Amino acid sequence: MKLKGERVASDLVKEISKILLTEIKDEDLKHVTITYATVTNDLSFAKVYFTTLDDYKKEKVVRDINNAASYFRSELAGRLNIRHIPELKFVYDESIEYGKRIEKIIEEINNES
């Protein structure tokens, strides 16, 4: 059975992804993929992790998506069945880049053999 925080985090990922796909006009944000979210125990704060295809625009995307956090919260208020929508902080997910670097290193080691 999922804990309430895990359920809310999962719902945030789904709904924010839908909003990005269907409603956001900013072309830079169209290339954002929400990877996962974490929510505090009291459901007052959520970190939403994302990646983007446009790595060279990463800083701009981080700034723009965080500036749109209040828009996301207002949209989520009508979509999620919870009393209080958590404050949203969008964080660039470094884990995919880290995985790619590890893969490249392993490939280089295998090619040297």
PDB file of N, CA and C in Angstrom:
ATOM      1  N   MET A   1       0.837  -1.182   0.000  1.00  0.00           N
ATOM      2  CA  MET A   1       0.000   0.000   0.000  1.00  0.00           C
ATOM      3  C   MET A   1       0.886   1.250   0.000  1.00  0.00           C
ATOM      4  N   LYS A   2       0.561   2.197  -0.870  1.00  0.00           N
ATOM      5  CA  LYS A   2       1.344   3.434  -0.958  1.00  0.00           C
ATOM      6  C   LYS A   2       0.997   4.363   0.191  1.00  0.00           C
ATOM      7  N   LEU A   3       2.017   5.036   0.702  1.00  0.00           N
ATOM      8  CA  LEU A   3       1.789   6.086   1.683  1.00  0.00           C
ATOM      9  C   LEU A   3       1.185   7.289   0.976  1.00  0.00           C
ATOM     10  N   LYS A   4       0.488   8.119   1.735  1.00  0.00           N
ATOM     11  CA  LYS A   4      -0.169   9.274   1.129  1.00  0.00           C
ATOM     12  C   LYS A   4       0.827  10.175   0.388  1.00  0.00           C
ATOM     13  N   GLY A   5       2.002  10.406   0.985  1.00  0.00           N
ATOM     14  CA  GLY A   5       3.021  11.236   0.338  1.00  0.00           C
ATOM     15  C   GLY A   5       3.473  10.664  -0.996  1.00  0.00           C
ATOM     16  N   GLU A   6       3.627   9.337  -1.057  1.00  0.00           N
ATOM     17  CA  GLU A   6       4.034   8.688  -2.305  1.00  0.00           C
ATOM     18  C   GLU A   6       2.945   8.813  -3.360  1.00  0.00           C
ATOM     19  N   ARG A   7       1.694   8.677  -2.929  1.00  0.00           N
ATOM     20  CA  ARG A   7       0.568   8.806  -3.859  1.00  0.00           C
ATOM     21  C   ARG A   7       0.495  10.232  -4.409  1.00  0.00           C
ATOM     22  N   VAL A   8       0.645  11.213  -3.519  1.00  0.00           N
ATOM     23  CA  VAL A   8       0.602  12.615  -3.937  1.00  0.00           C
ATOM     24  C   VAL A   8       1.760  12.898  -4.896  1.00  0.00           C
ATOM     25  N   ALA A   9       2.945  12.399  -4.577  1.00  0.00           N
ATOM     26  CA  ALA A   9       4.109  12.600  -5.447  1.00  0.00           C
ATOM     27  C   ALA A   9       3.860  11.998  -6.830  1.00  0.00           C
ATOM     28  N   SER A  10       3.308  10.807  -6.863  1.00  0.00           N
ATOM     29  CA  SER A  10       2.993  10.146  -8.125  1.00  0.00           C
ATOM     30  C   SER A  10       1.957  10.941  -8.918  1.00  0.00           C
ATOM     31  N   ASP A  11       0.931  11.431  -8.223  1.00  0.00           N
ATOM     32  CA  ASP A  11      -0.099  12.246  -8.879  1.00  0.00           C
ATOM     33  C   ASP A  11       0.485  13.545  -9.412  1.00  0.00           C
ATOM     34  N   LEU A  12       1.405  14.150  -8.663  1.00  0.00           N
ATOM     35  CA  LEU A  12       2.053  15.386  -9.122  1.00  0.00           C
ATOM     36  C   LEU A  12       2.801  15.148 -10.429  1.00  0.00           C
ATOM     37  N   VAL A  13       3.560  14.050 -10.489  1.00  0.00           N
ATOM     38  CA  VAL A  13       4.324  13.729 -11.697  1.00  0.00           C
ATOM     39  C   VAL A  13       3.380  13.585 -12.889  1.00  0.00           C
ATOM     40  N   LYS A  14       2.293  12.834 -12.708  1.00  0.00           N
ATOM     41  CA  LYS A  14       1.349  12.603 -13.805  1.00  0.00           C
ATOM     42  C   LYS A  14       0.691  13.895 -14.268  1.00  0.00           C
ATOM     43  N   GLU A  15       0.180  14.662 -13.329  1.00  0.00           N
ATOM     44  CA  GLU A  15      -0.574  15.861 -13.696  1.00  0.00           C
ATOM     45  C   GLU A  15       0.310  16.983 -14.240  1.00  0.00           C
ATOM     46  N   ILE A  16       1.486  17.171 -13.655  1.00  0.00           N
ATOM     47  CA  ILE A  16       2.394  18.203 -14.186  1.00  0.00           C
ATOM     48  C   ILE A  16       2.844  17.813 -15.592  1.00  0.00           C
ATOM     49  N   SER A  17       3.080  16.526 -15.819  1.00  0.00           N
ATOM     50  CA  SER A  17       3.448  16.060 -17.161  1.00  0.00           C
ATOM     51  C   SER A  17       2.342  16.366 -18.160  1.00  0.00           C
ATOM     52  N   LYS A  18       1.089  16.129 -17.761  1.00  0.00           N
ATOM     53  CA  LYS A  18      -0.044  16.424 -18.648  1.00  0.00           C
ATOM     54  C   LYS A  18      -0.127  17.919 -18.941  1.00  0.00           C
ATOM     55  N   ILE A  19       0.070  18.741 -17.920  1.00  0.00           N
ATOM     56  CA  ILE A  19       0.017  20.197 -18.105  1.00  0.00           C
ATOM     57  C   ILE A  19       1.116  20.642 -19.077  1.00  0.00           C
ATOM     58  N   LEU A  20       2.320  20.117 -18.901  1.00  0.00           N
ATOM     59  CA  LEU A  20       3.429  20.469 -19.799  1.00  0.00           C
ATOM     60  C   LEU A  20       3.123  20.050 -21.238  1.00  0.00           C
ATOM     61  N   LEU A  21       2.516  18.897 -21.381  1.00  0.00           N
ATOM     62  CA  LEU A  21       2.233  18.360 -22.713  1.00  0.00           C
ATOM     63  C   LEU A  21       1.132  19.132 -23.429  1.00  0.00           C
ATOM     64  N   THR A  22       0.107  19.534 -22.697  1.00  0.00           N
ATOM     65  CA  THR A  22      -1.086  20.062 -23.365  1.00  0.00           C
ATOM     66  C   THR A  22      -1.303  21.564 -23.211  1.00  0.00           C
ATOM     67  N   GLU A  23      -0.747  22.195 -22.195  1.00  0.00           N
ATOM     68  CA  GLU A  23      -1.152  23.570 -21.916  1.00  0.00           C
ATOM     69  C   GLU A  23      -0.044  24.615 -21.936  1.00  0.00           C
ATOM     70  N   ILE A  24       1.181  24.210 -21.779  1.00  0.00           N
ATOM     71  CA  ILE A  24       2.289  25.174 -21.709  1.00  0.00           C
ATOM     72  C   ILE A  24       2.617  25.686 -23.104  1.00  0.00           C
ATOM     73  N   LYS A  25       2.762  26.995 -23.224  1.00  0.00           N
ATOM     74  CA  LYS A  25       3.059  27.633 -24.516  1.00  0.00           C
ATOM     75  C   LYS A  25       4.565  27.819 -24.740  1.00  0.00           C
ATOM     76  N   ASP A  26       5.339  27.922 -23.668  1.00  0.00           N
ATOM     77  CA  ASP A  26       6.792  28.147 -23.754  1.00  0.00           C
ATOM     78  C   ASP A  26       7.458  26.944 -24.424  1.00  0.00           C
ATOM     79  N   GLU A  27       8.072  27.175 -25.588  1.00  0.00           N
ATOM     80  CA  GLU A  27       8.690  26.082 -26.350  1.00  0.00           C
ATOM     81  C   GLU A  27       9.797  25.369 -25.565  1.00  0.00           C
ATOM     82  N   ASP A  28      10.543  26.122 -24.746  1.00  0.00           N
ATOM     83  CA  ASP A  28      11.615  25.492 -23.966  1.00  0.00           C
ATOM     84  C   ASP A  28      11.050  24.499 -22.958  1.00  0.00           C
ATOM     85  N   LEU A  29       9.878  24.786 -22.424  1.00  0.00           N
ATOM     86  CA  LEU A  29       9.267  23.884 -21.436  1.00  0.00           C
ATOM     87  C   LEU A  29       8.579  22.692 -22.092  1.00  0.00           C
ATOM     88  N   LYS A  30       8.350  22.756 -23.392  1.00  0.00           N
ATOM     89  CA  LYS A  30       7.747  21.621 -24.113  1.00  0.00           C
ATOM     90  C   LYS A  30       8.682  20.409 -24.103  1.00  0.00           C
ATOM     91  N   HIS A  31       9.974  20.645 -23.932  1.00  0.00           N
ATOM     92  CA  HIS A  31      10.960  19.564 -23.966  1.00  0.00           C
ATOM     93  C   HIS A  31      11.316  19.051 -22.575  1.00  0.00           C
ATOM     94  N   VAL A  32      10.534  19.425 -21.579  1.00  0.00           N
ATOM     95  CA  VAL A  32      10.784  19.004 -20.198  1.00  0.00           C
ATOM     96  C   VAL A  32      10.077  17.683 -19.929  1.00  0.00           C
ATOM     97  N   THR A  33      10.779  16.785 -19.259  1.00  0.00           N
ATOM     98  CA  THR A  33      10.197  15.521 -18.815  1.00  0.00           C
ATOM     99  C   THR A  33      10.297  15.468 -17.299  1.00  0.00           C
ATOM    100  N   ILE A  34       9.176  15.262 -16.648  1.00  0.00           N
ATOM    101  CA  ILE A  34       9.160  15.123 -15.196  1.00  0.00           C
ATOM    102  C   ILE A  34       9.575  13.696 -14.876  1.00  0.00           C
ATOM    103  N   THR A  35      10.618  13.532 -14.061  1.00  0.00           N
ATOM    104  CA  THR A  35      11.123  12.192 -13.774  1.00  0.00           C
ATOM    105  C   THR A  35      10.553  11.619 -12.481  1.00  0.00           C
ATOM    106  N   TYR A  36      10.492  12.430 -11.439  1.00  0.00           N
ATOM    107  CA  TYR A  36       9.880  11.979 -10.188  1.00  0.00           C
ATOM    108  C   TYR A  36       9.691  13.168  -9.266  1.00  0.00           C
ATOM    109  N   ALA A  37       9.018  12.923  -8.150  1.00  0.00           N
ATOM    110  CA  ALA A  37       8.783  13.992  -7.179  1.00  0.00           C
ATOM    111  C   ALA A  37       8.893  13.412  -5.774  1.00  0.00           C
ATOM    112  N   THR A  38       9.249  14.268  -4.840  1.00  0.00           N
ATOM    113  CA  THR A  38       9.234  13.897  -3.424  1.00  0.00           C
ATOM    114  C   THR A  38       8.376  14.918  -2.696  1.00  0.00           C
ATOM    115  N   VAL A  39       7.664  14.454  -1.690  1.00  0.00           N
ATOM    116  CA  VAL A  39       6.767  15.322  -0.932  1.00  0.00           C
ATOM    117  C   VAL A  39       7.092  15.154   0.547  1.00  0.00           C
ATOM    118  N   THR A  40       7.096  16.273   1.284  1.00  0.00           N
ATOM    119  CA  THR A  40       7.347  16.193   2.728  1.00  0.00           C
ATOM    120  C   THR A  40       6.190  15.459   3.404  1.00  0.00           C
ATOM    121  N   ASN A  41       6.445  14.955   4.609  1.00  0.00           N
ATOM    122  CA  ASN A  41       5.426  14.186   5.339  1.00  0.00           C
ATOM    123  C   ASN A  41       4.133  14.957   5.562  1.00  0.00           C
ATOM    124  N   ASP A  42       4.246  16.269   5.777  1.00  0.00           N
ATOM    125  CA  ASP A  42       3.038  17.068   6.012  1.00  0.00           C
ATOM    126  C   ASP A  42       2.417  17.571   4.705  1.00  0.00           C
ATOM    127  N   LEU A  43       2.950  17.135   3.565  1.00  0.00           N
ATOM    128  CA  LEU A  43       2.439  17.462   2.231  1.00  0.00           C
ATOM    129  C   LEU A  43       2.460  18.963   1.917  1.00  0.00           C
ATOM    130  N   SER A  44       3.330  19.716   2.590  1.00  0.00           N
ATOM    131  CA  SER A  44       3.356  21.163   2.373  1.00  0.00           C
ATOM    132  C   SER A  44       4.364  21.578   1.298  1.00  0.00           C
ATOM    133  N   PHE A  45       5.298  20.709   0.978  1.00  0.00           N
ATOM    134  CA  PHE A  45       6.373  21.061   0.059  1.00  0.00           C
ATOM    135  C   PHE A  45       6.701  19.866  -0.832  1.00  0.00           C
ATOM    136  N   ALA A  46       6.911  20.128  -2.113  1.00  0.00           N
ATOM    137  CA  ALA A  46       7.276  19.056  -3.048  1.00  0.00           C
ATOM    138  C   ALA A  46       8.452  19.497  -3.899  1.00  0.00           C
ATOM    139  N   LYS A  47       9.399  18.591  -4.079  1.00  0.00           N
ATOM    140  CA  LYS A  47      10.476  18.790  -5.039  1.00  0.00           C
ATOM    141  C   LYS A  47      10.097  17.967  -6.262  1.00  0.00           C
ATOM    142  N   VAL A  48      10.068  18.625  -7.404  1.00  0.00           N
ATOM    143  CA  VAL A  48       9.704  17.961  -8.649  1.00  0.00           C
ATOM    144  C   VAL A  48      10.955  17.924  -9.523  1.00  0.00           C
ATOM    145  N   TYR A  49      11.422  16.721  -9.827  1.00  0.00           N
ATOM    146  CA  TYR A  49      12.652  16.546 -10.592  1.00  0.00           C
ATOM    147  C   TYR A  49      12.315  16.392 -12.072  1.00  0.00           C
ATOM    148  N   PHE A  50      13.151  17.005 -12.918  1.00  0.00           N
ATOM    149  CA  PHE A  50      12.887  16.963 -14.352  1.00  0.00           C
ATOM    150  C   PHE A  50      14.189  16.922 -15.134  1.00  0.00           C
ATOM    151  N   THR A  51      14.061  16.543 -16.395  1.00  0.00           N
ATOM    152  CA  THR A  51      15.170  16.640 -17.349  1.00  0.00           C
ATOM    153  C   THR A  51      14.648  17.409 -18.557  1.00  0.00           C
ATOM    154  N   THR A  52      15.573  17.795 -19.416  1.00  0.00           N
ATOM    155  CA  THR A  52      15.184  18.477 -20.646  1.00  0.00           C
ATOM    156  C   THR A  52      16.081  18.004 -21.779  1.00  0.00           C
ATOM    157  N   LEU A  53      15.529  17.996 -22.980  1.00  0.00           N
ATOM    158  CA  LEU A  53      16.323  17.607 -24.146  1.00  0.00           C
ATOM    159  C   LEU A  53      17.342  18.685 -24.496  1.00  0.00           C
ATOM    160  N   ASP A  54      17.028  19.919 -24.130  1.00  0.00           N
ATOM    161  CA  ASP A  54      17.897  21.051 -24.451  1.00  0.00           C
ATOM    162  C   ASP A  54      18.863  21.321 -23.298  1.00  0.00           C
ATOM    163  N   ASP A  55      19.920  20.515 -23.205  1.00  0.00           N
ATOM    164  CA  ASP A  55      20.874  20.661 -22.104  1.00  0.00           C
ATOM    165  C   ASP A  55      21.516  22.047 -22.068  1.00  0.00           C
ATOM    166  N   TYR A  56      21.735  22.633 -23.232  1.00  0.00           N
ATOM    167  CA  TYR A  56      22.389  23.939 -23.273  1.00  0.00           C
ATOM    168  C   TYR A  56      21.498  25.049 -22.714  1.00  0.00           C
ATOM    169  N   LYS A  57      20.203  24.785 -22.579  1.00  0.00           N
ATOM    170  CA  LYS A  57      19.274  25.777 -22.024  1.00  0.00           C
ATOM    171  C   LYS A  57      18.868  25.431 -20.598  1.00  0.00           C
ATOM    172  N   LYS A  58      19.605  24.552 -19.967  1.00  0.00           N
ATOM    173  CA  LYS A  58      19.216  24.026 -18.654  1.00  0.00           C
ATOM    174  C   LYS A  58      18.932  25.125 -17.639  1.00  0.00           C
ATOM    175  N   GLU A  59      19.812  26.104 -17.509  1.00  0.00           N
ATOM    176  CA  GLU A  59      19.618  27.162 -16.509  1.00  0.00           C
ATOM    177  C   GLU A  59      18.351  27.975 -16.789  1.00  0.00           C
ATOM    178  N   LYS A  60      18.117  28.282 -18.069  1.00  0.00           N
ATOM    179  CA  LYS A  60      16.923  29.030 -18.448  1.00  0.00           C
ATOM    180  C   LYS A  60      15.666  28.221 -18.127  1.00  0.00           C
ATOM    181  N   VAL A  61      15.699  26.927 -18.426  1.00  0.00           N
ATOM    182  CA  VAL A  61      14.531  26.068 -18.172  1.00  0.00           C
ATOM    183  C   VAL A  61      14.265  25.971 -16.671  1.00  0.00           C
ATOM    184  N   VAL A  62      15.323  25.810 -15.866  1.00  0.00           N
ATOM    185  CA  VAL A  62      15.152  25.764 -14.407  1.00  0.00           C
ATOM    186  C   VAL A  62      14.489  27.053 -13.920  1.00  0.00           C
ATOM    187  N   ARG A  63      14.968  28.178 -14.396  1.00  0.00           N
ATOM    188  CA  ARG A  63      14.400  29.472 -13.996  1.00  0.00           C
ATOM    189  C   ARG A  63      12.940  29.602 -14.448  1.00  0.00           C
ATOM    190  N   ASP A  64      12.687  29.289 -15.720  1.00  0.00           N
ATOM    191  CA  ASP A  64      11.332  29.438 -16.271  1.00  0.00           C
ATOM    192  C   ASP A  64      10.321  28.525 -15.588  1.00  0.00           C
ATOM    193  N   ILE A  65      10.699  27.277 -15.372  1.00  0.00           N
ATOM    194  CA  ILE A  65       9.732  26.336 -14.789  1.00  0.00           C
ATOM    195  C   ILE A  65       9.456  26.695 -13.326  1.00  0.00           C
ATOM    196  N   ASN A  66      10.472  27.173 -12.615  1.00  0.00           N
ATOM    197  CA  ASN A  66      10.237  27.603 -11.227  1.00  0.00           C
ATOM    198  C   ASN A  66       9.396  28.879 -11.179  1.00  0.00           C
ATOM    199  N   ASN A  67       9.566  29.754 -12.178  1.00  0.00           N
ATOM    200  CA  ASN A  67       8.715  30.945 -12.257  1.00  0.00           C
ATOM    201  C   ASN A  67       7.258  30.578 -12.518  1.00  0.00           C
ATOM    202  N   ALA A  68       7.042  29.432 -13.146  1.00  0.00           N
ATOM    203  CA  ALA A  68       5.681  28.983 -13.459  1.00  0.00           C
ATOM    204  C   ALA A  68       5.081  28.111 -12.353  1.00  0.00           C
ATOM    205  N   ALA A  69       5.794  27.959 -11.238  1.00  0.00           N
ATOM    206  CA  ALA A  69       5.323  27.066 -10.162  1.00  0.00           C
ATOM    207  C   ALA A  69       3.934  27.440  -9.662  1.00  0.00           C
ATOM    208  N   SER A  70       3.641  28.729  -9.536  1.00  0.00           N
ATOM    209  CA  SER A  70       2.318  29.133  -9.049  1.00  0.00           C
ATOM    210  C   SER A  70       1.235  28.768 -10.066  1.00  0.00           C
ATOM    211  N   TYR A  71       1.553  28.843 -11.356  1.00  0.00           N
ATOM    212  CA  TYR A  71       0.604  28.412 -12.389  1.00  0.00           C
ATOM    213  C   TYR A  71       0.312  26.917 -12.231  1.00  0.00           C
ATOM    214  N   PHE A  72       1.374  26.126 -12.052  1.00  0.00           N
ATOM    215  CA  PHE A  72       1.184  24.678 -11.873  1.00  0.00           C
ATOM    216  C   PHE A  72       0.330  24.393 -10.640  1.00  0.00           C
ATOM    217  N   ARG A  73       0.604  25.108  -9.553  1.00  0.00           N
ATOM    218  CA  ARG A  73      -0.178  24.891  -8.322  1.00  0.00           C
ATOM    219  C   ARG A  73      -1.655  25.193  -8.548  1.00  0.00           C
ATOM    220  N   SER A  74      -1.949  26.282  -9.247  1.00  0.00           N
ATOM    221  CA  SER A  74      -3.357  26.621  -9.469  1.00  0.00           C
ATOM    222  C   SER A  74      -4.028  25.591 -10.370  1.00  0.00           C
ATOM    223  N   GLU A  75      -3.302  25.089 -11.370  1.00  0.00           N
ATOM    224  CA  GLU A  75      -3.848  24.032 -12.223  1.00  0.00           C
ATOM    225  C   GLU A  75      -4.062  22.735 -11.437  1.00  0.00           C
ATOM    226  N   LEU A  76      -3.106  22.408 -10.577  1.00  0.00           N
ATOM    227  CA  LEU A  76      -3.205  21.176  -9.785  1.00  0.00           C
ATOM    228  C   LEU A  76      -4.357  21.225  -8.791  1.00  0.00           C
ATOM    229  N   ALA A  77      -4.697  22.421  -8.322  1.00  0.00           N
ATOM    230  CA  ALA A  77      -5.779  22.563  -7.343  1.00  0.00           C
ATOM    231  C   ALA A  77      -7.085  21.986  -7.881  1.00  0.00           C
ATOM    232  N   GLY A  78      -7.328  22.125  -9.162  1.00  0.00           N
ATOM    233  CA  GLY A  78      -8.543  21.591  -9.757  1.00  0.00           C
ATOM    234  C   GLY A  78      -8.451  20.140 -10.170  1.00  0.00           C
ATOM    235  N   ARG A  79      -7.248  19.594 -10.153  1.00  0.00           N
ATOM    236  CA  ARG A  79      -7.046  18.229 -10.662  1.00  0.00           C
ATOM    237  C   ARG A  79      -6.806  17.199  -9.567  1.00  0.00           C
ATOM    238  N   LEU A  80      -6.211  17.626  -8.460  1.00  0.00           N
ATOM    239  CA  LEU A  80      -5.880  16.676  -7.395  1.00  0.00           C
ATOM    240  C   LEU A  80      -6.898  16.777  -6.265  1.00  0.00           C
ATOM    241  N   ASN A  81      -7.211  15.641  -5.709  1.00  0.00           N
ATOM    242  CA  ASN A  81      -8.208  15.592  -4.646  1.00  0.00           C
ATOM    243  C   ASN A  81      -7.515  15.662  -3.279  1.00  0.00           C
ATOM    244  N   ILE A  82      -6.814  16.780  -3.040  1.00  0.00           N
ATOM    245  CA  ILE A  82      -6.194  16.990  -1.736  1.00  0.00           C
ATOM    246  C   ILE A  82      -6.520  18.412  -1.279  1.00  0.00           C
ATOM    247  N   ARG A  83      -6.542  18.586   0.019  1.00  0.00           N
ATOM    248  CA  ARG A  83      -6.965  19.862   0.598  1.00  0.00           C
ATOM    249  C   ARG A  83      -6.001  21.000   0.271  1.00  0.00           C
ATOM    250  N   HIS A  84      -4.712  20.719   0.359  1.00  0.00           N
ATOM    251  CA  HIS A  84      -3.699  21.762   0.181  1.00  0.00           C
ATOM    252  C   HIS A  84      -2.667  21.292  -0.845  1.00  0.00           C
ATOM    253  N   ILE A  85      -2.482  22.074  -1.896  1.00  0.00           N
ATOM    254  CA  ILE A  85      -1.473  21.743  -2.909  1.00  0.00           C
ATOM    255  C   ILE A  85      -0.103  22.174  -2.366  1.00  0.00           C
ATOM    256  N   PRO A  86       0.875  21.275  -2.373  1.00  0.00           N
ATOM    257  CA  PRO A  86       2.188  21.628  -1.829  1.00  0.00           C
ATOM    258  C   PRO A  86       2.875  22.748  -2.620  1.00  0.00           C
ATOM    259  N   GLU A  87       3.751  23.482  -1.936  1.00  0.00           N
ATOM    260  CA  GLU A  87       4.638  24.421  -2.632  1.00  0.00           C
ATOM    261  C   GLU A  87       5.515  23.580  -3.550  1.00  0.00           C
ATOM    262  N   LEU A  88       5.754  24.062  -4.762  1.00  0.00           N
ATOM    263  CA  LEU A  88       6.535  23.300  -5.732  1.00  0.00           C
ATOM    264  C   LEU A  88       7.903  23.930  -5.948  1.00  0.00           C
ATOM    265  N   LYS A  89       8.926  23.090  -5.928  1.00  0.00           N
ATOM    266  CA  LYS A  89      10.292  23.506  -6.276  1.00  0.00           C
ATOM    267  C   LYS A  89      10.755  22.544  -7.345  1.00  0.00           C
ATOM    268  N   PHE A  90      11.073  23.066  -8.521  1.00  0.00           N
ATOM    269  CA  PHE A  90      11.538  22.232  -9.617  1.00  0.00           C
ATOM    270  C   PHE A  90      13.057  22.148  -9.576  1.00  0.00           C
ATOM    271  N   VAL A  91      13.569  20.926  -9.694  1.00  0.00           N
ATOM    272  CA  VAL A  91      15.004  20.668  -9.584  1.00  0.00           C
ATOM    273  C   VAL A  91      15.435  19.836 -10.794  1.00  0.00           C
ATOM    274  N   TYR A  92      16.518  20.264 -11.440  1.00  0.00           N
ATOM    275  CA  TYR A  92      17.037  19.493 -12.568  1.00  0.00           C
ATOM    276  C   TYR A  92      17.563  18.150 -12.068  1.00  0.00           C
ATOM    277  N   ASP A  93      17.136  17.084 -12.714  1.00  0.00           N
ATOM    278  CA  ASP A  93      17.520  15.726 -12.318  1.00  0.00           C
ATOM    279  C   ASP A  93      18.864  15.369 -12.954  1.00  0.00           C
ATOM    280  N   GLU A  94      19.894  15.343 -12.122  1.00  0.00           N
ATOM    281  CA  GLU A  94      21.253  15.055 -12.600  1.00  0.00           C
ATOM    282  C   GLU A  94      21.507  13.566 -12.802  1.00  0.00           C
ATOM    283  N   SER A  95      20.631  12.704 -12.311  1.00  0.00           N
ATOM    284  CA  SER A  95      20.899  11.264 -12.312  1.00  0.00           C
ATOM    285  C   SER A  95      21.025  10.690 -13.723  1.00  0.00           C
ATOM    286  N   ILE A  96      20.284  11.222 -14.683  1.00  0.00           N
ATOM    287  CA  ILE A  96      20.365  10.702 -16.047  1.00  0.00           C
ATOM    288  C   ILE A  96      21.716  11.069 -16.663  1.00  0.00           C
ATOM    289  N   GLU A  97      22.140  12.322 -16.464  1.00  0.00           N
ATOM    290  CA  GLU A  97      23.458  12.732 -16.956  1.00  0.00           C
ATOM    291  C   GLU A  97      24.563  11.897 -16.308  1.00  0.00           C
ATOM    292  N   TYR A  98      24.422  11.653 -15.004  1.00  0.00           N
ATOM    293  CA  TYR A  98      25.400  10.850 -14.267  1.00  0.00           C
ATOM    294  C   TYR A  98      25.467   9.451 -14.864  1.00  0.00           C
ATOM    295  N   GLY A  99      24.305   8.873 -15.137  1.00  0.00           N
ATOM    296  CA  GLY A  99      24.241   7.534 -15.740  1.00  0.00           C
ATOM    297  C   GLY A  99      24.907   7.492 -17.100  1.00  0.00           C
ATOM    298  N   LYS A 100      24.713   8.537 -17.892  1.00  0.00           N
ATOM    299  CA  LYS A 100      25.328   8.606 -19.222  1.00  0.00           C
ATOM    300  C   LYS A 100      26.848   8.677 -19.113  1.00  0.00           C
ATOM    301  N   ARG A 101      27.343   9.457 -18.126  1.00  0.00           N
ATOM    302  CA  ARG A 101      28.797   9.560 -17.932  1.00  0.00           C
ATOM    303  C   ARG A 101      29.380   8.203 -17.535  1.00  0.00           C
ATOM    304  N   ILE A 102      28.700   7.505 -16.636  1.00  0.00           N
ATOM    305  CA  ILE A 102      29.165   6.178 -16.201  1.00  0.00           C
ATOM    306  C   ILE A 102      29.188   5.217 -17.389  1.00  0.00           C
ATOM    307  N   GLU A 103      28.120   5.250 -18.192  1.00  0.00           N
ATOM    308  CA  GLU A 103      28.045   4.397 -19.375  1.00  0.00           C
ATOM    309  C   GLU A 103      29.200   4.663 -20.328  1.00  0.00           C
ATOM    310  N   LYS A 104      29.505   5.948 -20.532  1.00  0.00           N
ATOM    311  CA  LYS A 104      30.594   6.330 -21.438  1.00  0.00           C
ATOM    312  C   LYS A 104      31.932   5.821 -20.911  1.00  0.00           C
ATOM    313  N   ILE A 105      32.154   5.947 -19.611  1.00  0.00           N
ATOM    314  CA  ILE A 105      33.403   5.465 -19.001  1.00  0.00           C
ATOM    315  C   ILE A 105      33.530   3.957 -19.180  1.00  0.00           C
ATOM    316  N   ILE A 106      32.453   3.226 -18.935  1.00  0.00           N
ATOM    317  CA  ILE A 106      32.476   1.764 -19.084  1.00  0.00           C
ATOM    318  C   ILE A 106      32.765   1.390 -20.534  1.00  0.00           C
ATOM    319  N   GLU A 107      32.134   2.124 -21.471  1.00  0.00           N
ATOM    320  CA  GLU A 107      32.367   1.872 -22.893  1.00  0.00           C
ATOM    321  C   GLU A 107      33.826   2.094 -23.259  1.00  0.00           C
ATOM    322  N   GLU A 108      34.416   3.187 -22.727  1.00  0.00           N
ATOM    323  CA  GLU A 108      35.829   3.479 -23.018  1.00  0.00           C
ATOM    324  C   GLU A 108      36.729   2.387 -22.452  1.00  0.00           C
ATOM    325  N   ILE A 109      36.413   1.907 -21.255  1.00  0.00           N
ATOM    326  CA  ILE A 109      37.217   0.832 -20.655  1.00  0.00           C
ATOM    327  C   ILE A 109      37.134  -0.434 -21.490  1.00  0.00           C
ATOM    328  N   ASN A 110      35.926  -0.764 -21.949  1.00  0.00           N
ATOM    329  CA  ASN A 110      35.738  -1.968 -22.772  1.00  0.00           C
ATOM    330  C   ASN A 110      36.451  -1.832 -24.122  1.00  0.00           C
ATOM    331  N   ASN A 111      36.489  -0.632 -24.688  1.00  0.00           N
ATOM    332  CA  ASN A 111      37.162  -0.425 -25.959  1.00  0.00           C
ATOM    333  C   ASN A 111      38.685  -0.524 -25.832  1.00  0.00           C
ATOM    334  N   GLU A 112      39.206  -0.197 -24.639  1.00  0.00           N
ATOM    335  CA  GLU A 112      40.649  -0.287 -24.411  1.00  0.00           C
ATOM    336  C   GLU A 112      41.104  -1.731 -24.257  1.00  0.00           C
ATOM    337  N   SER A 113      40.216  -2.615 -23.872  1.00  0.00           N
ATOM    338  CA  SER A 113      40.576  -4.029 -23.635  1.00  0.00           C
ATOM    339  C   SER A 113      40.866  -4.770 -24.901  1.00  0.00           C
TER     340      SER A 113
END
